[in-house]
Amino acid sequence: MQSVDDAQLLQRFRSGDREAFADLVVRYQKPIYNAAFWILRKAEDASDVTQTVFLKVVERLDDYDPQYKFFSWIYRIAVNESLNLLRRNGHEDALDDEADFEAPQSATPEWRVGEVERSRRLQDALMRLNTNDRTVLTLRHFSECSYQEIAQVLEIDEKTVKSRLFEARQRLCARLEDLRQH
């Protein structure tokens, strides 16, 4: 449980407390990076988007409506920035075969090999999905957003989120099955 909530940190930052903003960055840097990475598929682009998101938070803080979760607002900025970068770069790029996979130190060598292979298969299947599928799956399964939070982030109806998730999962399963046969 977070000891200081986002609203308190935002209020402190608005009052000139730079440490409060640093706390927000620490809290959201990794989730924002992960969301951007799963949309963009490139670590360097995800890092750039992450930095841009926090700059935009500072620039647009007055636009934030505290009636909504800060989490949803900052994720919406991250998704928009990621999609905008995809558009600027000519949309979908070729797959990047370079990926970093780390196993727990306590894992056996056999487990590590199997887990790395499973991770590569999952990443390959996920990265071959379209941007909308990757986005909704990432928000739900990697960022652990609720259906309501995803609806806020993507600015769509909650029923649409459930429908998109169902269809994206079906396509992901089909991709994984295709990979299993090869």
N, C-alpha and C. Protein backbone atom coordinates (compact mmCIF):
# COMPACT_ATOMS: atom_id res chain seq x y z
N MET A 1 0.85 -1.18 0.00
CA MET A 1 0.00 0.00 0.00
C MET A 1 0.89 1.24 0.00
N GLN A 2 0.54 2.20 -0.79
CA GLN A 2 1.33 3.41 -0.89
C GLN A 2 1.00 4.31 0.31
N SER A 3 2.05 4.79 1.00
CA SER A 3 1.84 5.58 2.21
C SER A 3 1.27 6.96 1.90
N VAL A 4 1.68 7.55 0.80
CA VAL A 4 1.17 8.86 0.39
C VAL A 4 0.47 8.66 -0.94
N ASP A 5 -0.81 9.09 -1.02
CA ASP A 5 -1.52 8.86 -2.28
C ASP A 5 -1.15 9.93 -3.31
N ASP A 6 -1.56 9.67 -4.54
CA ASP A 6 -1.21 10.55 -5.65
C ASP A 6 -1.73 11.98 -5.44
N ALA A 7 -2.95 12.10 -4.90
CA ALA A 7 -3.53 13.42 -4.69
C ALA A 7 -2.67 14.26 -3.75
N GLN A 8 -2.16 13.62 -2.70
CA GLN A 8 -1.30 14.33 -1.76
C GLN A 8 0.01 14.76 -2.42
N LEU A 9 0.59 13.86 -3.20
CA LEU A 9 1.84 14.20 -3.90
C LEU A 9 1.62 15.33 -4.90
N LEU A 10 0.51 15.28 -5.62
CA LEU A 10 0.20 16.34 -6.58
C LEU A 10 0.01 17.68 -5.88
N GLN A 11 -0.68 17.66 -4.76
CA GLN A 11 -0.88 18.90 -4.00
C GLN A 11 0.45 19.46 -3.51
N ARG A 12 1.31 18.59 -3.00
CA ARG A 12 2.63 19.04 -2.54
C ARG A 12 3.45 19.60 -3.70
N PHE A 13 3.38 18.94 -4.87
CA PHE A 13 4.12 19.42 -6.04
C PHE A 13 3.60 20.78 -6.48
N ARG A 14 2.29 20.93 -6.50
CA ARG A 14 1.69 22.22 -6.87
C ARG A 14 2.12 23.33 -5.91
N SER A 15 2.45 22.94 -4.69
CA SER A 15 2.90 23.92 -3.68
C SER A 15 4.40 24.15 -3.74
N GLY A 16 5.07 23.55 -4.73
CA GLY A 16 6.49 23.80 -4.92
C GLY A 16 7.42 22.71 -4.41
N ASP A 17 6.89 21.62 -3.92
CA ASP A 17 7.70 20.52 -3.40
C ASP A 17 8.16 19.62 -4.56
N ARG A 18 9.41 19.80 -4.99
CA ARG A 18 9.93 19.01 -6.11
C ARG A 18 10.11 17.53 -5.75
N GLU A 19 10.35 17.26 -4.49
CA GLU A 19 10.49 15.87 -4.04
C GLU A 19 9.21 15.08 -4.28
N ALA A 20 8.07 15.76 -4.18
CA ALA A 20 6.79 15.09 -4.41
C ALA A 20 6.70 14.63 -5.86
N PHE A 21 7.16 15.45 -6.78
CA PHE A 21 7.15 15.05 -8.19
C PHE A 21 8.13 13.89 -8.41
N ALA A 22 9.27 13.95 -7.75
CA ALA A 22 10.24 12.84 -7.86
C ALA A 22 9.60 11.54 -7.36
N ASP A 23 8.79 11.62 -6.31
CA ASP A 23 8.10 10.43 -5.81
C ASP A 23 7.11 9.89 -6.84
N LEU A 24 6.41 10.79 -7.54
CA LEU A 24 5.49 10.37 -8.60
C LEU A 24 6.25 9.69 -9.74
N VAL A 25 7.40 10.26 -10.09
CA VAL A 25 8.21 9.66 -11.16
C VAL A 25 8.64 8.26 -10.76
N VAL A 26 9.14 8.11 -9.54
CA VAL A 26 9.57 6.79 -9.07
C VAL A 26 8.39 5.82 -9.08
N ARG A 27 7.23 6.29 -8.67
CA ARG A 27 6.04 5.44 -8.60
C ARG A 27 5.57 4.98 -9.98
N TYR A 28 5.65 5.86 -10.97
CA TYR A 28 5.04 5.57 -12.27
C TYR A 28 6.03 5.35 -13.41
N GLN A 29 7.30 5.54 -13.20
CA GLN A 29 8.27 5.42 -14.29
C GLN A 29 8.24 4.02 -14.92
N LYS A 30 8.30 3.00 -14.12
CA LYS A 30 8.33 1.64 -14.65
C LYS A 30 7.02 1.26 -15.33
N PRO A 31 5.85 1.51 -14.71
CA PRO A 31 4.60 1.17 -15.41
C PRO A 31 4.41 1.94 -16.72
N ILE A 32 4.82 3.20 -16.75
CA ILE A 32 4.70 4.00 -17.97
C ILE A 32 5.66 3.45 -19.03
N TYR A 33 6.87 3.15 -18.64
CA TYR A 33 7.84 2.57 -19.58
C TYR A 33 7.30 1.26 -20.15
N ASN A 34 6.80 0.39 -19.28
CA ASN A 34 6.29 -0.91 -19.73
C ASN A 34 5.13 -0.75 -20.70
N ALA A 35 4.21 0.15 -20.38
CA ALA A 35 3.08 0.38 -21.28
C ALA A 35 3.58 0.86 -22.64
N ALA A 36 4.51 1.80 -22.63
CA ALA A 36 5.06 2.33 -23.88
C ALA A 36 5.82 1.24 -24.65
N PHE A 37 6.59 0.44 -23.93
CA PHE A 37 7.37 -0.61 -24.59
C PHE A 37 6.46 -1.61 -25.31
N TRP A 38 5.39 -2.02 -24.66
CA TRP A 38 4.53 -3.03 -25.28
C TRP A 38 3.76 -2.48 -26.46
N ILE A 39 3.61 -1.17 -26.52
CA ILE A 39 2.97 -0.56 -27.69
C ILE A 39 4.01 -0.34 -28.79
N LEU A 40 5.17 0.18 -28.41
CA LEU A 40 6.18 0.61 -29.39
C LEU A 40 7.13 -0.50 -29.82
N ARG A 41 7.40 -1.45 -28.93
CA ARG A 41 8.28 -2.59 -29.19
C ARG A 41 9.75 -2.21 -29.29
N LYS A 42 10.11 -1.04 -28.85
CA LYS A 42 11.52 -0.63 -28.87
C LYS A 42 11.85 0.06 -27.55
N ALA A 43 12.91 -0.42 -26.91
CA ALA A 43 13.28 0.10 -25.60
C ALA A 43 13.63 1.59 -25.66
N GLU A 44 14.37 1.99 -26.69
CA GLU A 44 14.76 3.39 -26.80
C GLU A 44 13.54 4.30 -26.96
N ASP A 45 12.59 3.90 -27.79
CA ASP A 45 11.37 4.68 -27.98
C ASP A 45 10.56 4.74 -26.69
N ALA A 46 10.48 3.62 -25.98
CA ALA A 46 9.74 3.58 -24.72
C ALA A 46 10.37 4.52 -23.69
N SER A 47 11.69 4.57 -23.66
CA SER A 47 12.38 5.50 -22.75
C SER A 47 12.08 6.94 -23.11
N ASP A 48 12.11 7.24 -24.41
CA ASP A 48 11.80 8.60 -24.86
C ASP A 48 10.37 9.00 -24.49
N VAL A 49 9.44 8.09 -24.72
CA VAL A 49 8.05 8.38 -24.38
C VAL A 49 7.89 8.58 -22.89
N THR A 50 8.56 7.77 -22.10
CA THR A 50 8.47 7.90 -20.64
C THR A 50 8.91 9.29 -20.19
N GLN A 51 10.02 9.76 -20.73
CA GLN A 51 10.49 11.11 -20.40
C GLN A 51 9.49 12.16 -20.85
N THR A 52 8.96 12.00 -22.04
CA THR A 52 7.99 12.96 -22.58
C THR A 52 6.73 13.00 -21.70
N VAL A 53 6.29 11.85 -21.25
CA VAL A 53 5.10 11.79 -20.40
C VAL A 53 5.29 12.64 -19.15
N PHE A 54 6.42 12.51 -18.50
CA PHE A 54 6.62 13.27 -17.26
C PHE A 54 6.78 14.76 -17.54
N LEU A 55 7.36 15.11 -18.67
CA LEU A 55 7.42 16.53 -19.05
C LEU A 55 6.00 17.06 -19.28
N LYS A 56 5.17 16.28 -19.93
CA LYS A 56 3.79 16.71 -20.19
C LYS A 56 2.99 16.80 -18.90
N VAL A 57 3.28 15.93 -17.96
CA VAL A 57 2.59 16.01 -16.67
C VAL A 57 2.87 17.37 -16.03
N VAL A 58 4.12 17.80 -16.07
CA VAL A 58 4.48 19.10 -15.49
C VAL A 58 3.80 20.21 -16.27
N GLU A 59 3.85 20.14 -17.59
CA GLU A 59 3.26 21.20 -18.43
C GLU A 59 1.75 21.28 -18.29
N ARG A 60 1.10 20.13 -18.14
CA ARG A 60 -0.36 20.09 -18.18
C ARG A 60 -1.01 19.79 -16.84
N LEU A 61 -0.30 19.96 -15.77
CA LEU A 61 -0.83 19.61 -14.46
C LEU A 61 -2.15 20.32 -14.17
N ASP A 62 -2.28 21.53 -14.66
CA ASP A 62 -3.53 22.27 -14.43
C ASP A 62 -4.71 21.65 -15.19
N ASP A 63 -4.43 20.84 -16.20
CA ASP A 63 -5.49 20.17 -16.96
C ASP A 63 -6.01 18.91 -16.26
N TYR A 64 -5.26 18.42 -15.28
CA TYR A 64 -5.65 17.19 -14.60
C TYR A 64 -6.90 17.44 -13.75
N ASP A 65 -7.90 16.58 -13.91
CA ASP A 65 -9.14 16.64 -13.14
C ASP A 65 -9.06 15.63 -12.01
N PRO A 66 -8.94 16.11 -10.75
CA PRO A 66 -8.78 15.19 -9.61
C PRO A 66 -9.97 14.26 -9.38
N GLN A 67 -11.05 14.48 -10.12
CA GLN A 67 -12.20 13.58 -10.02
C GLN A 67 -11.83 12.19 -10.56
N TYR A 68 -10.82 12.15 -11.43
CA TYR A 68 -10.34 10.89 -11.99
C TYR A 68 -9.01 10.52 -11.35
N LYS A 69 -8.69 9.23 -11.45
CA LYS A 69 -7.42 8.78 -10.89
C LYS A 69 -6.26 9.37 -11.69
N PHE A 70 -5.23 9.78 -10.99
CA PHE A 70 -4.01 10.27 -11.65
C PHE A 70 -3.43 9.18 -12.54
N PHE A 71 -3.49 7.96 -12.06
CA PHE A 71 -3.01 6.79 -12.79
C PHE A 71 -3.62 6.75 -14.19
N SER A 72 -4.94 6.91 -14.28
CA SER A 72 -5.62 6.86 -15.58
C SER A 72 -5.18 8.01 -16.47
N TRP A 73 -5.03 9.18 -15.89
CA TRP A 73 -4.64 10.37 -16.66
C TRP A 73 -3.23 10.21 -17.23
N ILE A 74 -2.29 9.78 -16.40
CA ILE A 74 -0.90 9.66 -16.86
C ILE A 74 -0.77 8.50 -17.87
N TYR A 75 -1.52 7.42 -17.68
CA TYR A 75 -1.51 6.33 -18.65
C TYR A 75 -2.08 6.78 -19.98
N ARG A 76 -3.12 7.62 -19.94
CA ARG A 76 -3.70 8.12 -21.19
C ARG A 76 -2.64 8.92 -21.95
N ILE A 77 -1.88 9.73 -21.24
CA ILE A 77 -0.80 10.50 -21.88
C ILE A 77 0.21 9.53 -22.49
N ALA A 78 0.58 8.49 -21.76
CA ALA A 78 1.57 7.52 -22.25
C ALA A 78 1.07 6.80 -23.49
N VAL A 79 -0.18 6.38 -23.48
CA VAL A 79 -0.74 5.68 -24.64
C VAL A 79 -0.78 6.62 -25.83
N ASN A 80 -1.25 7.85 -25.62
CA ASN A 80 -1.31 8.82 -26.72
C ASN A 80 0.07 9.10 -27.30
N GLU A 81 1.04 9.32 -26.44
CA GLU A 81 2.40 9.61 -26.91
C GLU A 81 2.98 8.42 -27.67
N SER A 82 2.71 7.22 -27.19
CA SER A 82 3.20 6.02 -27.87
C SER A 82 2.56 5.87 -29.24
N LEU A 83 1.25 6.05 -29.31
CA LEU A 83 0.56 5.94 -30.59
C LEU A 83 0.99 7.04 -31.55
N ASN A 84 1.20 8.25 -31.03
CA ASN A 84 1.67 9.34 -31.88
C ASN A 84 3.06 9.04 -32.45
N LEU A 85 3.93 8.47 -31.63
CA LEU A 85 5.27 8.11 -32.11
C LEU A 85 5.18 7.03 -33.19
N LEU A 86 4.30 6.06 -33.00
CA LEU A 86 4.11 5.04 -34.02
C LEU A 86 3.69 5.68 -35.35
N ARG A 87 2.75 6.61 -35.27
CA ARG A 87 2.29 7.29 -36.48
C ARG A 87 3.41 8.08 -37.15
N ARG A 88 4.18 8.82 -36.34
CA ARG A 88 5.29 9.62 -36.89
C ARG A 88 6.34 8.74 -37.55
N ASN A 89 6.52 7.55 -37.02
CA ASN A 89 7.54 6.64 -37.55
C ASN A 89 7.01 5.73 -38.65
N GLY A 90 5.84 6.02 -39.17
CA GLY A 90 5.32 5.20 -40.24
C GLY A 90 4.57 3.98 -39.75
N HIS A 91 4.04 4.05 -38.54
CA HIS A 91 3.21 3.01 -37.93
C HIS A 91 4.02 1.79 -37.54
N GLU A 92 3.57 0.61 -37.92
CA GLU A 92 4.19 -0.62 -37.44
C GLU A 92 5.58 -0.80 -38.03
N ASP A 93 6.55 -1.06 -37.19
CA ASP A 93 7.92 -1.30 -37.62
C ASP A 93 8.20 -2.80 -37.60
N ALA A 94 9.30 -3.18 -38.20
CA ALA A 94 9.72 -4.58 -38.17
C ALA A 94 10.01 -4.99 -36.73
N LEU A 95 9.87 -6.26 -36.46
CA LEU A 95 10.13 -6.76 -35.11
C LEU A 95 11.60 -6.63 -34.76
N ASP A 96 11.83 -6.29 -33.52
CA ASP A 96 13.19 -6.21 -33.00
C ASP A 96 13.49 -7.53 -32.31
N ASP A 97 14.45 -8.26 -32.82
CA ASP A 97 14.75 -9.57 -32.28
C ASP A 97 15.53 -9.52 -30.97
N GLU A 98 16.07 -8.38 -30.64
CA GLU A 98 16.84 -8.25 -29.41
C GLU A 98 15.90 -8.03 -28.23
N ALA A 99 15.97 -8.88 -27.23
CA ALA A 99 15.15 -8.73 -26.03
C ALA A 99 15.94 -9.23 -24.83
N ASP A 100 15.69 -8.61 -23.71
CA ASP A 100 16.37 -9.01 -22.48
C ASP A 100 15.40 -9.82 -21.62
N PHE A 101 15.82 -10.99 -21.19
CA PHE A 101 15.02 -11.83 -20.33
C PHE A 101 15.88 -12.19 -19.11
N GLU A 102 15.30 -11.99 -17.92
CA GLU A 102 16.03 -12.32 -16.71
C GLU A 102 15.23 -13.34 -15.91
N ALA A 103 15.89 -14.34 -15.40
CA ALA A 103 15.25 -15.35 -14.56
C ALA A 103 15.65 -15.10 -13.11
N PRO A 104 14.84 -15.56 -12.17
CA PRO A 104 15.21 -15.42 -10.76
C PRO A 104 16.51 -16.16 -10.48
N GLN A 105 17.30 -15.64 -9.56
CA GLN A 105 18.59 -16.25 -9.25
C GLN A 105 18.45 -17.65 -8.68
N SER A 106 17.32 -17.95 -8.04
CA SER A 106 17.14 -19.27 -7.41
C SER A 106 16.68 -20.33 -8.41
N ALA A 107 16.41 -19.97 -9.64
CA ALA A 107 15.89 -20.91 -10.63
C ALA A 107 16.98 -21.89 -11.08
N THR A 108 16.53 -23.12 -11.38
CA THR A 108 17.46 -24.13 -11.90
C THR A 108 17.79 -23.79 -13.35
N PRO A 109 18.90 -24.28 -13.86
CA PRO A 109 19.23 -24.02 -15.27
C PRO A 109 18.14 -24.50 -16.23
N GLU A 110 17.54 -25.66 -15.93
CA GLU A 110 16.49 -26.18 -16.80
C GLU A 110 15.28 -25.25 -16.80
N TRP A 111 14.92 -24.77 -15.61
CA TRP A 111 13.78 -23.85 -15.49
C TRP A 111 14.07 -22.58 -16.27
N ARG A 112 15.29 -22.08 -16.13
CA ARG A 112 15.66 -20.84 -16.83
C ARG A 112 15.51 -20.98 -18.34
N VAL A 113 16.00 -22.09 -18.88
CA VAL A 113 15.92 -22.30 -20.33
C VAL A 113 14.46 -22.35 -20.76
N GLY A 114 13.65 -23.09 -20.04
CA GLY A 114 12.23 -23.20 -20.37
C GLY A 114 11.50 -21.87 -20.25
N GLU A 115 11.81 -21.14 -19.22
CA GLU A 115 11.14 -19.85 -18.99
C GLU A 115 11.56 -18.82 -20.04
N VAL A 116 12.81 -18.82 -20.40
CA VAL A 116 13.27 -17.89 -21.44
C VAL A 116 12.56 -18.22 -22.75
N GLU A 117 12.44 -19.49 -23.06
CA GLU A 117 11.74 -19.89 -24.30
C GLU A 117 10.28 -19.47 -24.26
N ARG A 118 9.60 -19.72 -23.13
CA ARG A 118 8.20 -19.32 -22.99
C ARG A 118 8.06 -17.81 -23.11
N SER A 119 8.95 -17.08 -22.48
CA SER A 119 8.91 -15.61 -22.55
C SER A 119 9.12 -15.12 -23.98
N ARG A 120 10.05 -15.72 -24.67
CA ARG A 120 10.30 -15.32 -26.07
C ARG A 120 9.09 -15.61 -26.94
N ARG A 121 8.48 -16.78 -26.73
CA ARG A 121 7.29 -17.13 -27.52
C ARG A 121 6.15 -16.14 -27.24
N LEU A 122 5.94 -15.84 -25.96
CA LEU A 122 4.87 -14.90 -25.60
C LEU A 122 5.16 -13.52 -26.17
N GLN A 123 6.39 -13.06 -26.00
CA GLN A 123 6.74 -11.73 -26.52
C GLN A 123 6.60 -11.69 -28.04
N ASP A 124 7.06 -12.72 -28.71
CA ASP A 124 6.95 -12.77 -30.16
C ASP A 124 5.48 -12.72 -30.59
N ALA A 125 4.65 -13.51 -29.94
CA ALA A 125 3.22 -13.53 -30.28
C ALA A 125 2.58 -12.18 -29.99
N LEU A 126 2.88 -11.62 -28.84
CA LEU A 126 2.31 -10.32 -28.46
C LEU A 126 2.76 -9.22 -29.41
N MET A 127 4.02 -9.21 -29.77
CA MET A 127 4.53 -8.16 -30.63
C MET A 127 4.01 -8.26 -32.05
N ARG A 128 3.53 -9.41 -32.44
CA ARG A 128 2.97 -9.57 -33.79
C ARG A 128 1.49 -9.17 -33.85
N LEU A 129 0.89 -8.90 -32.70
CA LEU A 129 -0.49 -8.41 -32.68
C LEU A 129 -0.52 -6.95 -33.10
N ASN A 130 -1.70 -6.48 -33.48
CA ASN A 130 -1.80 -5.06 -33.84
C ASN A 130 -1.71 -4.19 -32.59
N THR A 131 -1.50 -2.92 -32.79
CA THR A 131 -1.28 -1.98 -31.69
C THR A 131 -2.44 -1.95 -30.71
N ASN A 132 -3.67 -1.97 -31.20
CA ASN A 132 -4.83 -1.93 -30.31
C ASN A 132 -4.88 -3.15 -29.41
N ASP A 133 -4.60 -4.32 -29.97
CA ASP A 133 -4.59 -5.55 -29.17
C ASP A 133 -3.48 -5.50 -28.11
N ARG A 134 -2.29 -5.10 -28.53
CA ARG A 134 -1.17 -5.01 -27.58
C ARG A 134 -1.48 -4.02 -26.46
N THR A 135 -2.10 -2.90 -26.81
CA THR A 135 -2.39 -1.87 -25.81
C THR A 135 -3.35 -2.39 -24.76
N VAL A 136 -4.45 -2.97 -25.19
CA VAL A 136 -5.45 -3.42 -24.22
C VAL A 136 -4.92 -4.59 -23.38
N LEU A 137 -4.18 -5.51 -24.00
CA LEU A 137 -3.60 -6.61 -23.24
C LEU A 137 -2.55 -6.13 -22.24
N THR A 138 -1.76 -5.17 -22.66
CA THR A 138 -0.73 -4.62 -21.79
C THR A 138 -1.34 -3.94 -20.58
N LEU A 139 -2.35 -3.12 -20.82
CA LEU A 139 -2.98 -2.41 -19.71
C LEU A 139 -3.60 -3.39 -18.71
N ARG A 140 -4.22 -4.45 -19.22
CA ARG A 140 -4.89 -5.39 -18.33
C ARG A 140 -3.92 -6.35 -17.64
N HIS A 141 -3.01 -6.93 -18.38
CA HIS A 141 -2.21 -8.02 -17.84
C HIS A 141 -0.81 -7.62 -17.36
N PHE A 142 -0.23 -6.60 -17.92
CA PHE A 142 1.10 -6.19 -17.49
C PHE A 142 1.03 -5.00 -16.53
N SER A 143 0.09 -4.10 -16.77
CA SER A 143 -0.07 -2.94 -15.89
C SER A 143 -1.16 -3.18 -14.85
N GLU A 144 -1.86 -4.29 -14.98
CA GLU A 144 -2.88 -4.72 -14.03
C GLU A 144 -3.96 -3.67 -13.81
N CYS A 145 -4.40 -3.04 -14.88
CA CYS A 145 -5.49 -2.07 -14.81
C CYS A 145 -6.83 -2.81 -14.75
N SER A 146 -7.78 -2.22 -14.03
CA SER A 146 -9.14 -2.76 -14.03
C SER A 146 -9.81 -2.41 -15.35
N TYR A 147 -10.95 -3.03 -15.61
CA TYR A 147 -11.70 -2.71 -16.83
C TYR A 147 -12.07 -1.22 -16.84
N GLN A 148 -12.46 -0.73 -15.69
CA GLN A 148 -12.84 0.69 -15.58
C GLN A 148 -11.65 1.59 -15.87
N GLU A 149 -10.49 1.25 -15.34
CA GLU A 149 -9.29 2.06 -15.59
C GLU A 149 -8.91 2.03 -17.07
N ILE A 150 -9.00 0.86 -17.68
CA ILE A 150 -8.69 0.76 -19.11
C ILE A 150 -9.66 1.62 -19.91
N ALA A 151 -10.92 1.57 -19.55
CA ALA A 151 -11.93 2.39 -20.24
C ALA A 151 -11.58 3.88 -20.13
N GLN A 152 -11.14 4.31 -18.96
CA GLN A 152 -10.74 5.71 -18.78
C GLN A 152 -9.51 6.04 -19.60
N VAL A 153 -8.52 5.17 -19.56
CA VAL A 153 -7.27 5.42 -20.28
C VAL A 153 -7.52 5.49 -21.78
N LEU A 154 -8.30 4.56 -22.30
CA LEU A 154 -8.52 4.50 -23.74
C LEU A 154 -9.72 5.34 -24.20
N GLU A 155 -10.42 5.89 -23.23
CA GLU A 155 -11.60 6.72 -23.50
C GLU A 155 -12.63 5.96 -24.33
N ILE A 156 -12.93 4.74 -23.86
CA ILE A 156 -13.96 3.92 -24.48
C ILE A 156 -14.85 3.35 -23.39
N ASP A 157 -15.97 2.77 -23.78
CA ASP A 157 -16.91 2.16 -22.86
C ASP A 157 -16.32 0.89 -22.23
N GLU A 158 -16.68 0.60 -21.01
CA GLU A 158 -16.17 -0.57 -20.31
C GLU A 158 -16.54 -1.87 -21.04
N LYS A 159 -17.74 -1.93 -21.63
CA LYS A 159 -18.14 -3.11 -22.39
C LYS A 159 -17.25 -3.29 -23.62
N THR A 160 -16.83 -2.18 -24.21
CA THR A 160 -15.93 -2.24 -25.36
C THR A 160 -14.58 -2.78 -24.93
N VAL A 161 -14.13 -2.40 -23.75
CA VAL A 161 -12.86 -2.91 -23.21
C VAL A 161 -12.94 -4.43 -23.09
N LYS A 162 -14.02 -4.92 -22.50
CA LYS A 162 -14.17 -6.37 -22.32
C LYS A 162 -14.19 -7.09 -23.67
N SER A 163 -14.88 -6.51 -24.62
CA SER A 163 -14.95 -7.10 -25.96
C SER A 163 -13.57 -7.12 -26.62
N ARG A 164 -12.87 -5.98 -26.55
CA ARG A 164 -11.53 -5.90 -27.16
C ARG A 164 -10.57 -6.88 -26.49
N LEU A 165 -10.67 -6.99 -25.17
CA LEU A 165 -9.80 -7.93 -24.45
C LEU A 165 -10.07 -9.36 -24.89
N PHE A 166 -11.34 -9.72 -24.98
CA PHE A 166 -11.70 -11.07 -25.39
C PHE A 166 -11.12 -11.37 -26.77
N GLU A 167 -11.33 -10.45 -27.70
CA GLU A 167 -10.84 -10.66 -29.07
C GLU A 167 -9.31 -10.67 -29.13
N ALA A 168 -8.68 -9.78 -28.37
CA ALA A 168 -7.21 -9.73 -28.36
C ALA A 168 -6.63 -11.01 -27.78
N ARG A 169 -7.27 -11.53 -26.74
CA ARG A 169 -6.81 -12.79 -26.15
C ARG A 169 -6.95 -13.94 -27.14
N GLN A 170 -8.05 -13.95 -27.89
CA GLN A 170 -8.26 -14.98 -28.89
C GLN A 170 -7.15 -14.93 -29.95
N ARG A 171 -6.83 -13.71 -30.40
CA ARG A 171 -5.78 -13.57 -31.42
C ARG A 171 -4.41 -13.95 -30.84
N LEU A 172 -4.17 -13.60 -29.57
CA LEU A 172 -2.90 -13.97 -28.94
C LEU A 172 -2.79 -15.49 -28.83
N CYS A 173 -3.85 -16.14 -28.41
CA CYS A 173 -3.84 -17.61 -28.32
C CYS A 173 -3.58 -18.24 -29.68
N ALA A 174 -4.19 -17.68 -30.72
CA ALA A 174 -3.96 -18.20 -32.07
C ALA A 174 -2.50 -18.03 -32.47
N ARG A 175 -1.91 -16.88 -32.13
CA ARG A 175 -0.49 -16.65 -32.44
C ARG A 175 0.39 -17.65 -31.69
N LEU A 176 0.06 -17.88 -30.43
CA LEU A 176 0.85 -18.83 -29.63
C LEU A 176 0.72 -20.24 -30.21
N GLU A 177 -0.44 -20.60 -30.67
CA GLU A 177 -0.64 -21.91 -31.29
C GLU A 177 0.18 -22.01 -32.56
N ASP A 178 0.19 -20.95 -33.36
CA ASP A 178 1.01 -20.93 -34.59
C ASP A 178 2.48 -21.13 -34.25
N LEU A 179 2.94 -20.48 -33.18
CA LEU A 179 4.35 -20.61 -32.79
C LEU A 179 4.65 -22.02 -32.29
N ARG A 180 3.69 -22.64 -31.64
CA ARG A 180 3.90 -23.99 -31.10
C ARG A 180 4.09 -24.98 -32.24
N GLN A 181 3.43 -24.73 -33.37
CA GLN A 181 3.51 -25.65 -34.50
C GLN A 181 4.82 -25.51 -35.27
N HIS A 182 5.56 -24.42 -35.04
CA HIS A 182 6.80 -24.20 -35.78
C HIS A 182 8.01 -24.63 -35.01
